[in-house]
Amino acid sequence: MGLFGKKEKKAIREFSQKNIEYLTEIGKDLEEMLDELQEHYEANKPSVAEFQEFVAAISPKLSEEEAQKLAEYSNKIIKVKKCAKNGILALTELARNQRKSAREASREFSEFIES
């Protein structure tokens, strides 16, 4: 005699299936967001190099103070690029962890129902 009857097992099975569906849906959403973020990042990636070239071209024409401010601004843009890249890496890791959690939850629910 198991711990749960047929009704309870059916309810648990339905509950677990719904949870797995939610986890899968969240995983798909994360993957879509990641793809979109990577696409935008790759599309805008050359902008930093272009801006640095622009800064290098106009810096000699500026006063020392203006050139310094422009160089500081250029460094801030480089930091923004690094933050964007770190955001992509973090979202990639989050998506990977979510897929792993979904597989683990599915396995645990299956083991629980079969026992």
Protein backbone atom coordinates (compact mmCIF):
# COMPACT_ATOMS: atom_id res chain seq x y z
CA MET A 1 0.00 0.00 0.00
CA GLY A 2 1.51 3.30 -1.11
CA LEU A 3 1.44 6.54 0.75
CA PHE A 4 -1.06 8.04 -1.69
CA GLY A 5 -4.20 6.69 -3.29
CA LYS A 6 -5.11 6.97 -6.96
CA LYS A 7 -6.83 10.35 -6.53
CA GLU A 8 -3.87 11.85 -4.69
CA LYS A 9 -1.39 10.45 -7.20
CA LYS A 10 -3.46 11.86 -10.06
CA ALA A 11 -3.57 15.28 -8.38
CA ILE A 12 0.18 15.20 -7.73
CA ARG A 13 0.85 14.10 -11.31
CA GLU A 14 -1.28 16.96 -12.67
CA PHE A 15 0.39 19.42 -10.31
CA SER A 16 3.85 18.26 -11.29
CA GLN A 17 3.02 18.37 -15.00
CA LYS A 18 1.73 21.94 -14.63
CA ASN A 19 4.90 22.94 -12.77
CA ILE A 20 7.07 21.41 -15.48
CA GLU A 21 5.05 23.29 -18.12
CA TYR A 22 5.62 26.56 -16.22
CA LEU A 23 9.33 25.85 -15.88
CA THR A 24 9.58 25.03 -19.58
CA GLU A 25 7.70 28.20 -20.51
CA ILE A 26 9.96 30.31 -18.30
CA GLY A 27 12.97 28.64 -19.91
CA LYS A 28 11.70 29.51 -23.38
CA ASP A 29 11.12 33.11 -22.31
CA LEU A 30 14.64 33.32 -20.91
CA GLU A 31 16.10 31.90 -24.12
CA GLU A 32 14.13 34.40 -26.21
CA MET A 33 15.32 37.30 -24.04
CA LEU A 34 18.88 36.06 -24.21
CA ASP A 35 18.76 35.74 -28.00
CA GLU A 36 17.29 39.22 -28.32
CA LEU A 37 19.86 40.72 -25.94
CA GLN A 38 22.73 39.02 -27.75
CA GLU A 39 21.39 40.22 -31.10
CA HIS A 40 21.21 43.82 -29.90
CA TYR A 41 24.62 43.57 -28.29
CA GLU A 42 26.23 42.24 -31.47
CA ALA A 43 24.49 44.90 -33.57
CA ASN A 44 25.79 47.70 -31.35
CA LYS A 45 29.18 46.24 -30.53
CA PRO A 46 31.01 48.11 -33.34
CA SER A 47 29.68 51.43 -32.01
CA VAL A 48 32.24 51.51 -29.20
CA ALA A 49 35.17 51.08 -31.58
CA GLU A 50 33.69 53.69 -33.91
CA PHE A 51 33.30 56.10 -31.01
CA GLN A 52 36.89 55.51 -29.92
CA GLU A 53 38.07 56.24 -33.47
CA PHE A 54 35.99 59.40 -33.48
CA VAL A 55 37.46 60.47 -30.14
CA ALA A 56 40.98 59.83 -31.40
CA ALA A 57 40.28 61.87 -34.52
CA ILE A 58 38.84 64.94 -32.80
CA SER A 59 40.89 64.97 -29.59
CA PRO A 60 43.81 66.87 -31.18
CA LYS A 61 41.38 69.59 -32.26
CA LEU A 62 40.05 70.12 -28.74
CA SER A 63 41.47 71.95 -25.80
CA GLU A 64 43.28 69.82 -23.24
CA GLU A 65 40.36 70.09 -20.82
CA GLU A 66 37.80 69.12 -23.48
CA ALA A 67 39.95 66.23 -24.68
CA GLN A 68 40.23 64.98 -21.08
CA LYS A 69 36.44 65.12 -20.61
CA LEU A 70 35.93 63.30 -23.89
CA ALA A 71 38.44 60.61 -22.87
CA GLU A 72 36.59 60.15 -19.55
CA TYR A 73 33.31 59.86 -21.42
CA SER A 74 34.87 57.31 -23.75
CA ASN A 75 36.00 55.26 -20.74
CA LYS A 76 32.45 55.35 -19.35
CA ILE A 77 31.10 54.01 -22.64
CA ILE A 78 33.61 51.16 -22.50
CA LYS A 79 32.37 50.35 -18.99
CA VAL A 80 28.78 50.30 -20.29
CA LYS A 81 29.87 47.82 -22.96
CA LYS A 82 31.44 45.61 -20.27
CA CYS A 83 28.25 45.80 -18.19
CA ALA A 84 26.19 44.77 -21.22
CA LYS A 85 28.50 41.81 -21.85
CA ASN A 86 28.29 40.82 -18.17
CA GLY A 87 24.49 41.04 -18.40
CA ILE A 88 24.51 38.62 -21.32
CA LEU A 89 26.77 36.23 -19.43
CA ALA A 90 24.54 36.43 -16.35
CA LEU A 91 21.40 35.78 -18.39
CA THR A 92 23.13 32.86 -20.11
CA GLU A 93 23.96 31.35 -16.73
CA LEU A 94 20.44 31.99 -15.46
CA ALA A 95 18.94 30.25 -18.49
CA ARG A 96 21.30 27.29 -18.05
CA ASN A 97 20.44 27.01 -14.34
CA GLN A 98 16.74 27.25 -15.11
CA ARG A 99 16.96 24.40 -17.67
CA LYS A 100 18.86 22.33 -15.12
CA SER A 101 16.23 23.06 -12.45
CA ALA A 102 13.41 22.11 -14.81
CA ARG A 103 15.05 18.77 -15.63
CA GLU A 104 15.73 18.12 -11.95
CA ALA A 105 12.16 19.00 -10.94
CA SER A 106 10.78 16.72 -13.63
CA ARG A 107 12.98 13.86 -12.46
CA GLU A 108 12.09 14.41 -8.80
CA PHE A 109 8.36 14.55 -9.54
CA SER A 110 8.61 11.34 -11.55
CA GLU A 111 10.52 9.59 -8.77
CA PHE A 112 8.02 10.84 -6.17
CA ILE A 113 5.01 9.59 -8.11
CA GLU A 114 6.59 6.22 -8.88
CA SER A 115 7.48 5.54 -5.26
